[in-house]
Amino acid sequence: MVLSEILKSKINESLSVLKDSLVVSNIYAETHTVVEVTGWQREETIDALAVYLVSLRAGVIDQAGSICSDLIGSTPDYAYGILRSVNEIIEQSTDSKESQQDWKSKWRNAWIAEGIWHCCMHIAMKCPEFHTQGTIIALDLPNVSPKDHGLDVTALYVRDDGILGMSFVETKAYRNNPNEAISKAVIMFESIEAGVHDTRLRQVITSFNSVIEKPYKQQLSLSLWKNERTLIPNPHYEANGVTVQWGRPRTAFNDLTAPVVVMPHAVDDFDAFFDEISSFMRIKAEELVDNV
């Protein structure tokens, strides 16, 4: 089997596993909604998630959620290129001056957390309960590097009444401080509402125009998010550490003018979880090399 066929088969299988394994529950608070997605730590889920993350590194998932594996060549060079791209995320560079733990926390875990919630929003295209504000029809691609200082996950959605909107996911993997993660997310959301990211967002909308269906294109404008948007803070943190009551009102959200949907990810044995995903990513990338 050629590399493109292997990738397509593995991605479809992994998405099927994730849809069946993940569970969604909602809490409605005075200042926000909580949408909690659980099941990420099952062995079969971690295996499937690693496939998805490798696929993001391979660049075979487009903004419409389609799999473009036909663009992948079938020579060993392509497979080794994917492995190198994966290693850029999961291996600390030799010239890094940080401790291994600091590097993992600041760079590796940050990209993986972003990739997990890109996957979550991808699944929401078929499972609307993952995104309460509307059905997602397009997703911006994740940052190539955790050192890229851009928006984490940006989604285009359509409400039940047909109105288009944009969701902004701000992902933070703070092992022992989910409340700081919320505070940092609020700062980003305030900057979005203040127009700091307008140029970037106009570029995202322009790119969405090429992948969405014709009826939706008629609604697109270069200021779409100013009229309809959803703000999604996504803290990843140690479940056995600080206790957080996500259903309590949060005054930090009061100055935000758009709906806030908190999507917390409480992780049992935080460090081991991210280490395990990294190991599985390496295995999946090496399997591609072995099969070419």
C-alpha atoms as a PDB file:
ATOM      1  CA  MET A   1       0.000   0.000   0.000  1.00  0.00           C
ATOM      2  CA  VAL A   2       1.348   3.455  -0.927  1.00  0.00           C
ATOM      3  CA  LEU A   3       1.933   6.113   1.713  1.00  0.00           C
ATOM      4  CA  SER A   4      -1.105   8.212   0.750  1.00  0.00           C
ATOM      5  CA  GLU A   5      -3.436   5.220   1.109  1.00  0.00           C
ATOM      6  CA  ILE A   6      -1.876   4.269   4.442  1.00  0.00           C
ATOM      7  CA  LEU A   7      -2.377   7.788   5.800  1.00  0.00           C
ATOM      8  CA  LYS A   8      -5.955   8.066   4.578  1.00  0.00           C
ATOM      9  CA  SER A   9      -6.890   4.718   6.070  1.00  0.00           C
ATOM     10  CA  LYS A  10      -5.249   5.500   9.418  1.00  0.00           C
ATOM     11  CA  ILE A  11      -6.826   8.966   9.696  1.00  0.00           C
ATOM     12  CA  ASN A  12     -10.333   7.708   8.931  1.00  0.00           C
ATOM     13  CA  GLU A  13      -9.927   4.893  11.441  1.00  0.00           C
ATOM     14  CA  SER A  14      -8.602   7.221  14.133  1.00  0.00           C
ATOM     15  CA  LEU A  15     -11.454   9.720  13.699  1.00  0.00           C
ATOM     16  CA  SER A  16     -13.962   6.887  13.980  1.00  0.00           C
ATOM     17  CA  VAL A  17     -12.358   5.711  17.232  1.00  0.00           C
ATOM     18  CA  LEU A  18     -12.312   9.233  18.670  1.00  0.00           C
ATOM     19  CA  LYS A  19     -15.981   9.868  17.850  1.00  0.00           C
ATOM     20  CA  ASP A  20     -16.929   6.657  19.641  1.00  0.00           C
ATOM     21  CA  SER A  21     -14.609   7.118  22.635  1.00  0.00           C
ATOM     22  CA  LEU A  22     -15.121  10.750  23.636  1.00  0.00           C
ATOM     23  CA  VAL A  23     -17.984  11.886  25.872  1.00  0.00           C
ATOM     24  CA  VAL A  24     -19.444  15.394  26.150  1.00  0.00           C
ATOM     25  CA  SER A  25     -21.184  16.973  29.155  1.00  0.00           C
ATOM     26  CA  ASN A  26     -22.471  20.530  29.636  1.00  0.00           C
ATOM     27  CA  ILE A  27     -22.842  22.940  32.544  1.00  0.00           C
ATOM     28  CA  TYR A  28     -24.606  26.289  32.171  1.00  0.00           C
ATOM     29  CA  ALA A  29     -23.213  29.019  34.406  1.00  0.00           C
ATOM     30  CA  GLU A  30     -24.201  32.651  34.888  1.00  0.00           C
ATOM     31  CA  THR A  31     -21.269  34.030  32.900  1.00  0.00           C
ATOM     32  CA  HIS A  32     -20.423  31.171  30.553  1.00  0.00           C
ATOM     33  CA  THR A  33     -21.109  27.630  29.396  1.00  0.00           C
ATOM     34  CA  VAL A  34     -18.885  24.670  30.232  1.00  0.00           C
ATOM     35  CA  VAL A  35     -18.455  21.918  27.643  1.00  0.00           C
ATOM     36  CA  GLU A  36     -16.307  19.126  29.038  1.00  0.00           C
ATOM     37  CA  VAL A  37     -14.970  16.465  26.679  1.00  0.00           C
ATOM     38  CA  THR A  38     -13.630  13.369  28.428  1.00  0.00           C
ATOM     39  CA  GLY A  39     -12.130  10.082  27.313  1.00  0.00           C
ATOM     40  CA  TRP A  40      -8.830  11.378  25.941  1.00  0.00           C
ATOM     41  CA  GLN A  41      -6.750   9.104  28.195  1.00  0.00           C
ATOM     42  CA  ARG A  42      -8.048   5.735  27.070  1.00  0.00           C
ATOM     43  CA  GLU A  43      -5.333   3.738  25.336  1.00  0.00           C
ATOM     44  CA  GLU A  44      -7.256   3.449  22.087  1.00  0.00           C
ATOM     45  CA  THR A  45      -7.954   7.187  22.178  1.00  0.00           C
ATOM     46  CA  ILE A  46      -4.305   8.120  22.692  1.00  0.00           C
ATOM     47  CA  ASP A  47      -3.359   5.836  19.822  1.00  0.00           C
ATOM     48  CA  ALA A  48      -5.966   7.473  17.543  1.00  0.00           C
ATOM     49  CA  LEU A  49      -5.037  10.957  18.709  1.00  0.00           C
ATOM     50  CA  ALA A  50      -1.365  10.329  17.880  1.00  0.00           C
ATOM     51  CA  VAL A  51      -2.387   9.419  14.319  1.00  0.00           C
ATOM     52  CA  TYR A  52      -4.310  12.689  14.028  1.00  0.00           C
ATOM     53  CA  LEU A  53      -1.381  14.743  15.353  1.00  0.00           C
ATOM     54  CA  VAL A  54       1.047  13.059  12.956  1.00  0.00           C
ATOM     55  CA  SER A  55      -1.410  13.816  10.165  1.00  0.00           C
ATOM     56  CA  LEU A  56      -1.355  17.490  11.133  1.00  0.00           C
ATOM     57  CA  ARG A  57       2.441  17.404  10.917  1.00  0.00           C
ATOM     58  CA  ALA A  58       2.143  15.706   7.521  1.00  0.00           C
ATOM     59  CA  GLY A  59      -0.163  18.475   6.305  1.00  0.00           C
ATOM     60  CA  VAL A  60      -2.815  16.129   4.926  1.00  0.00           C
ATOM     61  CA  ILE A  61      -5.853  17.610   6.720  1.00  0.00           C
ATOM     62  CA  ASP A  62      -7.271  20.721   5.058  1.00  0.00           C
ATOM     63  CA  GLN A  63      -9.429  23.550   6.396  1.00  0.00           C
ATOM     64  CA  ALA A  64     -12.634  21.821   5.396  1.00  0.00           C
ATOM     65  CA  GLY A  65     -11.680  18.732   7.392  1.00  0.00           C
ATOM     66  CA  SER A  66     -10.957  16.749   4.248  1.00  0.00           C
ATOM     67  CA  ILE A  67      -8.018  14.394   3.912  1.00  0.00           C
ATOM     68  CA  CYS A  68      -5.645  15.402   1.117  1.00  0.00           C
ATOM     69  CA  SER A  69      -3.321  12.436   1.277  1.00  0.00           C
ATOM     70  CA  ASP A  70      -3.046  12.312  -2.535  1.00  0.00           C
ATOM     71  CA  LEU A  71      -0.604  15.214  -2.259  1.00  0.00           C
ATOM     72  CA  ILE A  72       1.819  12.990  -0.354  1.00  0.00           C
ATOM     73  CA  GLY A  73       4.461  11.253  -2.423  1.00  0.00           C
ATOM     74  CA  SER A  74       5.288   7.571  -2.058  1.00  0.00           C
ATOM     75  CA  THR A  75       9.062   7.728  -1.750  1.00  0.00           C
ATOM     76  CA  PRO A  76      10.955   7.226   1.512  1.00  0.00           C
ATOM     77  CA  ASP A  77      11.884  10.921   1.469  1.00  0.00           C
ATOM     78  CA  TYR A  78       8.255  11.895   2.116  1.00  0.00           C
ATOM     79  CA  ALA A  79       7.910   9.477   5.016  1.00  0.00           C
ATOM     80  CA  TYR A  80      11.208  10.614   6.532  1.00  0.00           C
ATOM     81  CA  GLY A  81      10.041  14.218   6.116  1.00  0.00           C
ATOM     82  CA  ILE A  82       6.963  13.475   8.214  1.00  0.00           C
ATOM     83  CA  LEU A  83       9.139  11.794  10.846  1.00  0.00           C
ATOM     84  CA  ARG A  84      11.431  14.830  10.959  1.00  0.00           C
ATOM     85  CA  SER A  85       8.432  17.120  11.348  1.00  0.00           C
ATOM     86  CA  VAL A  86       7.112  15.030  14.231  1.00  0.00           C
ATOM     87  CA  ASN A  87      10.535  15.010  15.890  1.00  0.00           C
ATOM     88  CA  GLU A  88      10.622  18.816  15.712  1.00  0.00           C
ATOM     89  CA  ILE A  89       7.724  18.770  18.163  1.00  0.00           C
ATOM     90  CA  ILE A  90       8.578  15.880  20.460  1.00  0.00           C
ATOM     91  CA  GLU A  91      12.395  16.163  20.664  1.00  0.00           C
ATOM     92  CA  GLN A  92      14.272  18.957  22.398  1.00  0.00           C
ATOM     93  CA  SER A  93      16.811  20.528  20.066  1.00  0.00           C
ATOM     94  CA  THR A  94      20.469  20.156  20.980  1.00  0.00           C
ATOM     95  CA  ASP A  95      20.963  23.933  21.121  1.00  0.00           C
ATOM     96  CA  SER A  96      18.139  24.461  23.638  1.00  0.00           C
ATOM     97  CA  LYS A  97      19.322  26.050  26.897  1.00  0.00           C
ATOM     98  CA  GLU A  98      16.181  25.115  28.846  1.00  0.00           C
ATOM     99  CA  SER A  99      15.777  22.202  31.226  1.00  0.00           C
ATOM    100  CA  GLN A 100      13.934  19.284  29.678  1.00  0.00           C
ATOM    101  CA  GLN A 101      10.903  19.872  31.903  1.00  0.00           C
ATOM    102  CA  ASP A 102      10.753  23.583  31.032  1.00  0.00           C
ATOM    103  CA  TRP A 103      11.082  22.771  27.336  1.00  0.00           C
ATOM    104  CA  LYS A 104       8.298  20.202  27.503  1.00  0.00           C
ATOM    105  CA  SER A 105       6.017  22.572  29.363  1.00  0.00           C
ATOM    106  CA  LYS A 106       6.640  25.631  27.207  1.00  0.00           C
ATOM    107  CA  TRP A 107       6.941  24.108  23.747  1.00  0.00           C
ATOM    108  CA  ARG A 108       6.091  20.421  23.296  1.00  0.00           C
ATOM    109  CA  ASN A 109       3.029  20.263  25.526  1.00  0.00           C
ATOM    110  CA  ALA A 110       1.778  23.576  24.156  1.00  0.00           C
ATOM    111  CA  TRP A 111       1.708  22.299  20.569  1.00  0.00           C
ATOM    112  CA  ILE A 112       0.184  18.937  21.537  1.00  0.00           C
ATOM    113  CA  ALA A 113      -2.572  20.640  23.561  1.00  0.00           C
ATOM    114  CA  GLU A 114      -3.369  22.855  20.585  1.00  0.00           C
ATOM    115  CA  GLY A 115      -3.416  19.795  18.328  1.00  0.00           C
ATOM    116  CA  ILE A 116      -5.768  17.935  20.661  1.00  0.00           C
ATOM    117  CA  TRP A 117      -8.316  20.725  20.501  1.00  0.00           C
ATOM    118  CA  HIS A 118      -7.897  21.137  16.764  1.00  0.00           C
ATOM    119  CA  CYS A 119      -8.876  17.459  16.679  1.00  0.00           C
ATOM    120  CA  CYS A 120     -11.802  18.178  19.015  1.00  0.00           C
ATOM    121  CA  MET A 121     -13.082  20.934  16.711  1.00  0.00           C
ATOM    122  CA  HIS A 122     -12.584  18.647  13.706  1.00  0.00           C
ATOM    123  CA  ILE A 123     -14.779  16.025  15.353  1.00  0.00           C
ATOM    124  CA  ALA A 124     -17.341  18.773  16.025  1.00  0.00           C
ATOM    125  CA  MET A 125     -17.874  19.020  12.261  1.00  0.00           C
ATOM    126  CA  LYS A 126     -19.723  15.692  12.506  1.00  0.00           C
ATOM    127  CA  CYS A 127     -20.705  15.762  16.195  1.00  0.00           C
ATOM    128  CA  PRO A 128     -22.347  19.154  16.920  1.00  0.00           C
ATOM    129  CA  GLU A 129     -22.547  18.505  20.666  1.00  0.00           C
ATOM    130  CA  PHE A 130     -18.806  19.275  20.797  1.00  0.00           C
ATOM    131  CA  HIS A 131     -19.504  22.872  19.699  1.00  0.00           C
ATOM    132  CA  THR A 132     -22.657  24.306  21.233  1.00  0.00           C
ATOM    133  CA  GLN A 133     -22.848  27.541  19.236  1.00  0.00           C
ATOM    134  CA  GLY A 134     -23.296  25.980  15.804  1.00  0.00           C
ATOM    135  CA  THR A 135     -21.997  23.462  13.285  1.00  0.00           C
ATOM    136  CA  ILE A 136     -18.345  23.914  12.352  1.00  0.00           C
ATOM    137  CA  ILE A 137     -17.754  24.040   8.587  1.00  0.00           C
ATOM    138  CA  ALA A 138     -14.101  25.098   8.412  1.00  0.00           C
ATOM    139  CA  LEU A 139     -11.000  25.132  10.629  1.00  0.00           C
ATOM    140  CA  ASP A 140      -7.855  27.177  10.342  1.00  0.00           C
ATOM    141  CA  LEU A 141      -4.698  25.083  10.354  1.00  0.00           C
ATOM    142  CA  PRO A 142      -2.678  24.916  13.592  1.00  0.00           C
ATOM    143  CA  ASN A 143       0.585  26.732  14.152  1.00  0.00           C
ATOM    144  CA  VAL A 144       3.510  24.969  12.511  1.00  0.00           C
ATOM    145  CA  SER A 145       5.662  25.605  15.562  1.00  0.00           C
ATOM    146  CA  PRO A 146       4.738  26.224  19.217  1.00  0.00           C
ATOM    147  CA  LYS A 147       6.995  29.271  18.944  1.00  0.00           C
ATOM    148  CA  ASP A 148       4.576  30.863  16.468  1.00  0.00           C
ATOM    149  CA  HIS A 149       2.634  33.506  18.367  1.00  0.00           C
ATOM    150  CA  GLY A 150      -0.710  33.298  16.624  1.00  0.00           C
ATOM    151  CA  LEU A 151      -4.271  32.296  17.336  1.00  0.00           C
ATOM    152  CA  ASP A 152      -4.457  28.686  18.499  1.00  0.00           C
ATOM    153  CA  VAL A 153      -7.572  27.260  16.814  1.00  0.00           C
ATOM    154  CA  THR A 154      -9.997  29.304  14.708  1.00  0.00           C
ATOM    155  CA  ALA A 155     -13.244  27.774  13.465  1.00  0.00           C
ATOM    156  CA  LEU A 156     -15.985  28.943  11.120  1.00  0.00           C
ATOM    157  CA  TYR A 157     -19.459  27.792  12.157  1.00  0.00           C
ATOM    158  CA  VAL A 158     -23.064  28.145  11.081  1.00  0.00           C
ATOM    159  CA  ARG A 159     -25.822  28.654  13.649  1.00  0.00           C
ATOM    160  CA  ASP A 160     -29.171  26.904  13.470  1.00  0.00           C
ATOM    161  CA  ASP A 161     -30.647  30.050  11.884  1.00  0.00           C
ATOM    162  CA  GLY A 162     -28.033  29.994   9.112  1.00  0.00           C
ATOM    163  CA  ILE A 163     -25.882  32.860  10.417  1.00  0.00           C
ATOM    164  CA  LEU A 164     -22.110  32.375  10.167  1.00  0.00           C
ATOM    165  CA  GLY A 165     -19.781  33.006  13.069  1.00  0.00           C
ATOM    166  CA  MET A 166     -16.226  32.347  14.199  1.00  0.00           C
ATOM    167  CA  SER A 167     -14.949  30.557  17.290  1.00  0.00           C
ATOM    168  CA  PHE A 168     -11.584  31.279  18.848  1.00  0.00           C
ATOM    169  CA  VAL A 169      -9.996  28.571  20.984  1.00  0.00           C
ATOM    170  CA  GLU A 170      -7.207  29.693  23.280  1.00  0.00           C
ATOM    171  CA  THR A 171      -5.359  26.613  24.529  1.00  0.00           C
ATOM    172  CA  LYS A 172      -3.057  26.558  27.560  1.00  0.00           C
ATOM    173  CA  ALA A 173      -1.313  23.524  29.071  1.00  0.00           C
ATOM    174  CA  TYR A 174      -0.560  24.770  32.591  1.00  0.00           C
ATOM    175  CA  ARG A 175      -0.072  21.710  34.763  1.00  0.00           C
ATOM    176  CA  ASN A 176      -0.827  23.315  38.124  1.00  0.00           C
ATOM    177  CA  ASN A 177      -2.570  26.559  37.248  1.00  0.00           C
ATOM    178  CA  PRO A 178      -5.763  26.311  35.202  1.00  0.00           C
ATOM    179  CA  ASN A 179      -6.952  29.635  36.576  1.00  0.00           C
ATOM    180  CA  GLU A 180      -3.912  31.371  35.104  1.00  0.00           C
ATOM    181  CA  ALA A 181      -4.730  29.639  31.837  1.00  0.00           C
ATOM    182  CA  ILE A 182      -8.165  31.272  31.925  1.00  0.00           C
ATOM    183  CA  SER A 183      -6.632  34.662  32.734  1.00  0.00           C
ATOM    184  CA  LYS A 184      -4.203  34.419  29.806  1.00  0.00           C
ATOM    185  CA  ALA A 185      -7.020  33.336  27.504  1.00  0.00           C
ATOM    186  CA  VAL A 186      -9.108  36.337  28.556  1.00  0.00           C
ATOM    187  CA  ILE A 187      -6.212  38.648  27.650  1.00  0.00           C
ATOM    188  CA  MET A 188      -6.113  37.122  24.168  1.00  0.00           C
ATOM    189  CA  PHE A 189      -9.889  37.410  23.769  1.00  0.00           C
ATOM    190  CA  GLU A 190      -9.772  41.053  24.834  1.00  0.00           C
ATOM    191  CA  SER A 191      -7.144  41.714  22.190  1.00  0.00           C
ATOM    192  CA  ILE A 192      -9.343  40.031  19.552  1.00  0.00           C
ATOM    193  CA  GLU A 193     -12.289  42.217  20.554  1.00  0.00           C
ATOM    194  CA  ALA A 194     -10.037  45.288  20.517  1.00  0.00           C
ATOM    195  CA  GLY A 195      -9.078  44.632  16.884  1.00  0.00           C
ATOM    196  CA  VAL A 196      -5.439  43.683  17.498  1.00  0.00           C
ATOM    197  CA  HIS A 197      -5.703  40.581  15.289  1.00  0.00           C
ATOM    198  CA  ASP A 198      -7.892  41.994  12.526  1.00  0.00           C
ATOM    199  CA  THR A 199      -5.307  41.594   9.761  1.00  0.00           C
ATOM    200  CA  ARG A 200      -4.656  37.971  10.643  1.00  0.00           C
ATOM    201  CA  LEU A 201      -8.382  37.225  10.857  1.00  0.00           C
ATOM    202  CA  ARG A 202      -9.087  38.771   7.480  1.00  0.00           C
ATOM    203  CA  GLN A 203      -6.483  36.398   6.042  1.00  0.00           C
ATOM    204  CA  VAL A 204      -8.154  33.440   7.761  1.00  0.00           C
ATOM    205  CA  ILE A 205     -11.562  34.400   6.328  1.00  0.00           C
ATOM    206  CA  THR A 206     -10.063  34.731   2.855  1.00  0.00           C
ATOM    207  CA  SER A 207      -8.625  31.222   3.156  1.00  0.00           C
ATOM    208  CA  PHE A 208     -11.991  29.852   4.351  1.00  0.00           C
ATOM    209  CA  ASN A 209     -13.602  31.201   1.196  1.00  0.00           C
ATOM    210  CA  SER A 210     -11.835  28.563  -0.896  1.00  0.00           C
ATOM    211  CA  VAL A 211     -13.096  25.543   1.083  1.00  0.00           C
ATOM    212  CA  ILE A 212     -16.702  26.259   2.105  1.00  0.00           C
ATOM    213  CA  GLU A 213     -19.831  25.603   0.061  1.00  0.00           C
ATOM    214  CA  LYS A 214     -21.199  28.311  -2.227  1.00  0.00           C
ATOM    215  CA  PRO A 215     -24.254  29.327  -0.129  1.00  0.00           C
ATOM    216  CA  TYR A 216     -21.999  30.167   2.804  1.00  0.00           C
ATOM    217  CA  LYS A 217     -19.595  32.202   0.688  1.00  0.00           C
ATOM    218  CA  GLN A 218     -22.314  34.798   0.180  1.00  0.00           C
ATOM    219  CA  GLN A 219     -22.260  35.539   3.909  1.00  0.00           C
ATOM    220  CA  LEU A 220     -18.512  35.901   4.263  1.00  0.00           C
ATOM    221  CA  SER A 221     -17.170  39.339   4.977  1.00  0.00           C
ATOM    222  CA  LEU A 222     -13.799  40.567   6.193  1.00  0.00           C
ATOM    223  CA  SER A 223     -15.381  41.603   9.499  1.00  0.00           C
ATOM    224  CA  LEU A 224     -17.523  38.509  10.063  1.00  0.00           C
ATOM    225  CA  TRP A 225     -16.237  37.793  13.576  1.00  0.00           C
ATOM    226  CA  LYS A 226     -17.150  41.279  14.784  1.00  0.00           C
ATOM    227  CA  ASN A 227     -20.844  40.400  14.519  1.00  0.00           C
ATOM    228  CA  GLU A 228     -20.902  36.736  15.567  1.00  0.00           C
ATOM    229  CA  ARG A 229     -18.172  34.996  17.543  1.00  0.00           C
ATOM    230  CA  THR A 230     -17.620  32.561  20.388  1.00  0.00           C
ATOM    231  CA  LEU A 231     -14.671  32.599  22.797  1.00  0.00           C
ATOM    232  CA  ILE A 232     -13.367  29.224  23.987  1.00  0.00           C
ATOM    233  CA  PRO A 233     -10.732  29.057  26.742  1.00  0.00           C
ATOM    234  CA  ASN A 234      -9.252  25.545  26.806  1.00  0.00           C
ATOM    235  CA  PRO A 235      -7.104  24.852  29.895  1.00  0.00           C
ATOM    236  CA  HIS A 236      -5.250  21.512  30.177  1.00  0.00           C
ATOM    237  CA  TYR A 237      -4.214  20.783  33.770  1.00  0.00           C
ATOM    238  CA  GLU A 238      -3.449  18.117  36.364  1.00  0.00           C
ATOM    239  CA  ALA A 239      -6.713  16.576  37.554  1.00  0.00           C
ATOM    240  CA  ASN A 240      -5.209  15.524  40.898  1.00  0.00           C
ATOM    241  CA  GLY A 241      -3.961  19.014  41.730  1.00  0.00           C
ATOM    242  CA  VAL A 242      -6.035  22.137  42.251  1.00  0.00           C
ATOM    243  CA  THR A 243      -9.817  21.702  42.291  1.00  0.00           C
ATOM    244  CA  VAL A 244     -11.733  24.016  39.972  1.00  0.00           C
ATOM    245  CA  GLN A 245     -15.482  24.632  40.076  1.00  0.00           C
ATOM    246  CA  TRP A 246     -16.037  25.431  36.405  1.00  0.00           C
ATOM    247  CA  GLY A 247     -19.746  26.106  36.906  1.00  0.00           C
ATOM    248  CA  ARG A 248     -19.169  29.100  39.157  1.00  0.00           C
ATOM    249  CA  PRO A 249     -19.552  32.617  37.681  1.00  0.00           C
ATOM    250  CA  ARG A 250     -16.304  34.218  36.547  1.00  0.00           C
ATOM    251  CA  THR A 251     -16.129  37.998  36.715  1.00  0.00           C
ATOM    252  CA  ALA A 252     -13.215  37.940  34.252  1.00  0.00           C
ATOM    253  CA  PHE A 253     -15.736  37.133  31.506  1.00  0.00           C
ATOM    254  CA  ASN A 254     -17.981  40.106  32.248  1.00  0.00           C
ATOM    255  CA  ASP A 255     -16.050  42.548  30.071  1.00  0.00           C
ATOM    256  CA  LEU A 256     -16.080  40.217  27.068  1.00  0.00           C
ATOM    257  CA  THR A 257     -18.910  40.985  24.672  1.00  0.00           C
ATOM    258  CA  ALA A 258     -19.209  37.528  23.069  1.00  0.00           C
ATOM    259  CA  PRO A 259     -20.397  34.217  24.573  1.00  0.00           C
ATOM    260  CA  VAL A 260     -17.727  32.266  26.457  1.00  0.00           C
ATOM    261  CA  VAL A 261     -17.590  28.460  26.356  1.00  0.00           C
ATOM    262  CA  VAL A 262     -14.998  26.971  28.713  1.00  0.00           C
ATOM    263  CA  MET A 263     -13.668  23.595  27.534  1.00  0.00           C
ATOM    264  CA  PRO A 264     -11.498  22.257  30.392  1.00  0.00           C
ATOM    265  CA  HIS A 265      -9.309  19.182  30.077  1.00  0.00           C
ATOM    266  CA  ALA A 266      -8.446  17.712  33.478  1.00  0.00           C
ATOM    267  CA  VAL A 267      -5.634  15.190  32.960  1.00  0.00           C
ATOM    268  CA  ASP A 268      -4.774  12.349  35.326  1.00  0.00           C
ATOM    269  CA  ASP A 269      -0.964  12.268  35.602  1.00  0.00           C
ATOM    270  CA  PHE A 270      -0.402  15.272  33.374  1.00  0.00           C
ATOM    271  CA  ASP A 271       3.293  14.708  32.599  1.00  0.00           C
ATOM    272  CA  ALA A 272       2.836  11.017  31.761  1.00  0.00           C
ATOM    273  CA  PHE A 273      -0.085  11.827  29.458  1.00  0.00           C
ATOM    274  CA  PHE A 274       1.939  14.205  27.284  1.00  0.00           C
ATOM    275  CA  ASP A 275       4.933  11.844  27.341  1.00  0.00           C
ATOM    276  CA  GLU A 276       2.715   8.984  26.188  1.00  0.00           C
ATOM    277  CA  ILE A 277       1.243  10.985  23.323  1.00  0.00           C
ATOM    278  CA  SER A 278       4.763  11.955  22.231  1.00  0.00           C
ATOM    279  CA  SER A 279       5.853   8.305  22.273  1.00  0.00           C
ATOM    280  CA  PHE A 280       2.841   7.235  20.243  1.00  0.00           C
ATOM    281  CA  MET A 281       3.454  10.039  17.731  1.00  0.00           C
ATOM    282  CA  ARG A 282       6.988   8.775  17.206  1.00  0.00           C
ATOM    283  CA  ILE A 283       5.741   5.203  16.762  1.00  0.00           C
ATOM    284  CA  LYS A 284       3.129   6.260  14.208  1.00  0.00           C
ATOM    285  CA  ALA A 285       5.642   8.324  12.239  1.00  0.00           C
ATOM    286  CA  GLU A 286       8.192   5.497  12.273  1.00  0.00           C
ATOM    287  CA  GLU A 287       5.534   3.070  11.044  1.00  0.00           C
ATOM    288  CA  LEU A 288       5.038   5.270   7.990  1.00  0.00           C
ATOM    289  CA  VAL A 289       8.763   5.074   7.271  1.00  0.00           C
ATOM    290  CA  ASP A 290       8.735   1.298   7.695  1.00  0.00           C
ATOM    291  CA  ASN A 291       5.833   0.892   5.264  1.00  0.00           C
ATOM    292  CA  VAL A 292       7.349   2.813   2.354  1.00  0.00           C
END
